[in-house]
């Protein structure tokens, strides 16, 4: 969780990695199976286009975010993806 939410200012983190790239394509595989704290962090990113951790605020308005999920129905499992 320290990588996702930031530990110290100079430690590697998700936000620092996003800041260091010119183009951001983010894949959140099986997003439906994550912890609630991770949901809340990414919902802010989806709503506001900003990812915040303890040390950085990253503007992601130009990023491509792909969320995948496995869901089931009466016929079995199906794969789906959403691009935000």
Protein backbone atom coordinates (compact mmCIF):
# COMPACT_ATOMS: atom_id res chain seq x y z
CA UNK A 1 0.00 0.00 0.00
CA UNK A 2 2.95 2.36 0.52
CA UNK A 3 3.63 2.27 -3.23
CA UNK A 4 0.06 3.29 -3.99
CA UNK A 5 -0.39 5.96 -1.31
CA UNK A 6 3.21 7.19 -1.02
CA UNK A 7 5.65 6.63 1.80
CA UNK A 8 8.38 9.29 1.80
CA UNK A 9 8.94 12.07 -0.70
CA UNK A 10 11.90 10.39 -2.41
CA UNK A 11 10.61 6.77 -2.29
CA UNK A 12 9.22 5.14 -5.42
CA UNK A 13 5.46 5.47 -5.61
CA UNK A 14 2.65 5.22 -8.13
CA UNK A 15 2.26 9.02 -8.24
CA UNK A 16 5.98 9.62 -8.71
CA UNK A 17 6.04 7.08 -11.52
CA UNK A 18 3.12 8.82 -13.23
CA UNK A 19 4.85 12.20 -12.91
CA UNK A 20 8.02 10.88 -14.53
CA UNK A 21 6.24 9.72 -17.71
CA UNK A 22 5.21 11.86 -20.65
CA UNK A 23 2.28 9.60 -21.56
CA UNK A 24 0.24 7.62 -19.07
CA UNK A 25 -1.73 4.50 -19.91
CA UNK A 26 -2.98 2.90 -16.72
CA UNK A 27 -4.31 -0.68 -16.63
CA UNK A 28 -6.32 -1.65 -13.57
CA UNK A 29 -6.79 -5.40 -14.03
CA UNK A 30 -9.72 -7.01 -12.19
CA UNK A 31 -10.53 -3.72 -10.52
CA UNK A 32 -13.71 -5.17 -9.00
CA UNK A 33 -11.65 -7.40 -6.67
CA UNK A 34 -9.61 -4.71 -4.94
CA UNK A 35 -9.83 -3.35 -1.39
CA UNK A 36 -12.22 -0.50 -0.55
CA UNK A 37 -9.34 1.90 0.20
CA UNK A 38 -8.02 1.35 -3.31
CA UNK A 39 -11.48 2.00 -4.76
CA UNK A 40 -11.69 5.37 -3.04
CA UNK A 41 -8.26 6.45 -4.27
CA UNK A 42 -9.11 5.63 -7.86
CA UNK A 43 -12.65 7.01 -7.77
CA UNK A 44 -11.16 10.42 -7.02
CA UNK A 45 -8.94 9.95 -10.05
CA UNK A 46 -11.95 9.02 -12.21
CA UNK A 47 -14.07 11.94 -10.98
CA UNK A 48 -11.50 14.73 -10.83
CA UNK A 49 -8.70 13.56 -13.13
CA UNK A 50 -6.21 13.90 -10.26
CA UNK A 51 -4.35 11.17 -8.38
CA UNK A 52 -3.18 12.18 -4.91
CA UNK A 53 -0.88 10.38 -2.53
CA UNK A 54 0.90 11.65 0.59
CA UNK A 55 3.48 13.56 -1.43
CA UNK A 56 2.23 14.36 -4.92
CA UNK A 57 -0.82 15.49 -6.89
CA UNK A 58 -0.80 14.14 -10.43
CA UNK A 59 -3.00 15.60 -13.17
CA UNK A 60 -4.30 12.70 -15.27
CA UNK A 61 -6.74 14.52 -17.53
CA UNK A 62 -4.82 13.31 -20.60
CA UNK A 63 -4.21 9.76 -19.33
CA UNK A 64 -5.88 6.65 -20.69
CA UNK A 65 -7.25 4.45 -17.92
CA UNK A 66 -8.38 0.90 -18.68
CA UNK A 67 -10.29 -1.07 -16.04
CA UNK A 68 -10.95 -4.78 -16.52
CA UNK A 69 -13.38 -6.91 -14.62
CA UNK A 70 -14.65 -10.47 -14.64
CA UNK A 71 -18.35 -10.76 -14.14
CA UNK A 72 -20.66 -13.71 -14.26
CA UNK A 73 -24.18 -14.37 -15.38
CA UNK A 74 -26.29 -17.49 -15.59
CA UNK A 75 -24.19 -18.74 -18.55
CA UNK A 76 -20.81 -18.41 -16.78
CA UNK A 77 -17.98 -15.91 -16.65
CA UNK A 78 -17.37 -13.16 -19.16
CA UNK A 79 -14.55 -10.68 -19.50
CA UNK A 80 -15.14 -6.98 -19.88
CA UNK A 81 -13.10 -3.81 -20.05
CA UNK A 82 -13.90 -0.13 -19.74
CA UNK A 83 -11.82 2.75 -20.99
CA UNK A 84 -12.17 5.98 -19.07
